[in-house]
Amino acid sequence: EPVEWEEYIEGSVQVPRGLLEFQADPASPRHNPALEPGSRVIVFCRSGVRAALAGATLKELGFSDVANLTGGFAAWKDAGLPVAEHHAGM
């Protein structure tokens, strides 16, 4: 969700859960080219709950290589892994 995007994993693509179906469907005019059914997709949110739902949705849409980041972004950050930040005005 946008409120969770102040810090993020470098290289990740923000797709709010409510827009996932539109952005994941290659036939949609709102398709996000970063989401292709044949590519590896790792979903995450702050804790992992919404990401689990997003992963299930992607599988229903024909994405075959989908994983959920265990523990979400919070676990990533707690593990000391790299985090990027959006700065004011961006």
Protein backbone atom coordinates (compact mmCIF):
# COMPACT_ATOMS: atom_id res chain seq x y z
CA GLU A 1 0.00 0.00 0.00
CA PRO A 2 1.19 3.57 -0.60
CA VAL A 3 1.62 4.28 3.12
CA GLU A 4 4.09 1.39 3.25
CA TRP A 5 6.23 2.80 0.46
CA GLU A 6 8.31 5.27 2.51
CA GLU A 7 10.90 2.51 2.80
CA TYR A 8 11.17 -0.30 0.29
CA ILE A 9 13.39 -2.99 -1.18
CA GLU A 10 15.51 -1.57 -4.01
CA GLY A 11 14.23 -2.74 -7.38
CA SER A 12 10.75 -3.54 -6.12
CA VAL A 13 7.62 -2.32 -7.87
CA GLN A 14 4.76 -0.80 -5.90
CA VAL A 15 1.38 -2.26 -6.76
CA PRO A 16 -1.38 -1.61 -4.22
CA ARG A 17 -3.45 -4.74 -3.57
CA GLY A 18 -6.61 -3.05 -4.86
CA LEU A 19 -5.02 -2.49 -8.28
CA LEU A 20 -3.23 -5.82 -8.65
CA GLU A 21 -5.65 -7.44 -11.09
CA PHE A 22 -5.53 -4.40 -13.39
CA GLN A 23 -1.75 -4.14 -13.36
CA ALA A 24 -1.07 -7.88 -13.64
CA ASP A 25 -3.35 -8.56 -16.60
CA PRO A 26 -1.39 -8.09 -19.87
CA ALA A 27 -4.68 -7.32 -21.66
CA SER A 28 -5.52 -4.46 -19.30
CA PRO A 29 -4.87 -0.87 -20.37
CA ARG A 30 -3.40 -0.37 -16.87
CA HIS A 31 -0.99 -3.32 -17.23
CA ASN A 32 2.36 -2.85 -15.50
CA PRO A 33 5.10 -4.31 -17.75
CA ALA A 34 7.07 -5.30 -14.63
CA LEU A 35 4.38 -7.95 -14.04
CA GLU A 36 4.59 -10.69 -16.63
CA PRO A 37 2.95 -14.09 -16.07
CA GLY A 38 6.11 -15.97 -17.11
CA SER A 39 8.50 -14.14 -14.78
CA ARG A 40 9.42 -14.72 -11.15
CA VAL A 41 7.39 -12.52 -8.80
CA ILE A 42 8.07 -12.15 -5.08
CA VAL A 43 5.27 -10.35 -3.29
CA PHE A 44 5.60 -8.56 0.04
CA CYS A 45 3.83 -6.10 2.26
CA ARG A 46 4.66 -4.89 5.75
CA SER A 47 3.80 -8.14 7.55
CA GLY A 48 3.02 -10.65 4.79
CA VAL A 49 -0.78 -10.92 5.10
CA ARG A 50 -1.86 -8.85 2.08
CA ALA A 51 1.05 -10.29 0.12
CA ALA A 52 -0.29 -13.81 0.69
CA LEU A 53 -3.61 -12.72 -0.81
CA ALA A 54 -1.80 -10.99 -3.69
CA GLY A 55 0.24 -14.12 -4.39
CA ALA A 56 -2.89 -16.26 -4.53
CA THR A 57 -4.47 -13.77 -6.92
CA LEU A 58 -1.43 -13.79 -9.20
CA LYS A 59 -1.52 -17.59 -9.32
CA GLU A 60 -5.21 -17.45 -10.26
CA LEU A 61 -4.26 -15.05 -13.06
CA GLY A 62 -1.77 -17.57 -14.49
CA PHE A 63 1.48 -16.50 -12.85
CA SER A 64 3.33 -19.74 -12.20
CA ASP A 65 6.42 -18.57 -10.28
CA VAL A 66 5.11 -16.56 -7.32
CA ALA A 67 6.58 -16.45 -3.82
CA ASN A 68 5.65 -14.53 -0.67
CA LEU A 69 8.51 -12.92 1.28
CA THR A 70 8.23 -14.70 4.63
CA GLY A 71 7.56 -12.20 7.40
CA GLY A 72 7.13 -9.36 4.93
CA PHE A 73 9.12 -6.16 4.76
CA ALA A 74 9.34 -6.02 8.56
CA ALA A 75 11.31 -9.28 8.62
CA TRP A 76 13.53 -8.08 5.76
CA LYS A 77 14.36 -4.89 7.64
CA ASP A 78 14.81 -6.68 11.00
CA ALA A 79 17.33 -9.00 9.31
CA GLY A 80 19.43 -5.94 8.45
CA LEU A 81 18.95 -6.36 4.71
CA PRO A 82 19.24 -3.27 2.47
CA VAL A 83 16.39 -0.75 2.55
CA ALA A 84 15.87 2.22 0.25
CA GLU A 85 13.94 5.32 1.32
CA HIS A 86 11.79 7.81 -0.51
CA HIS A 87 12.76 11.35 0.39
CA ALA A 88 10.41 14.31 0.80
CA GLY A 89 9.41 15.77 -2.53
CA MET A 90 9.78 12.52 -4.46
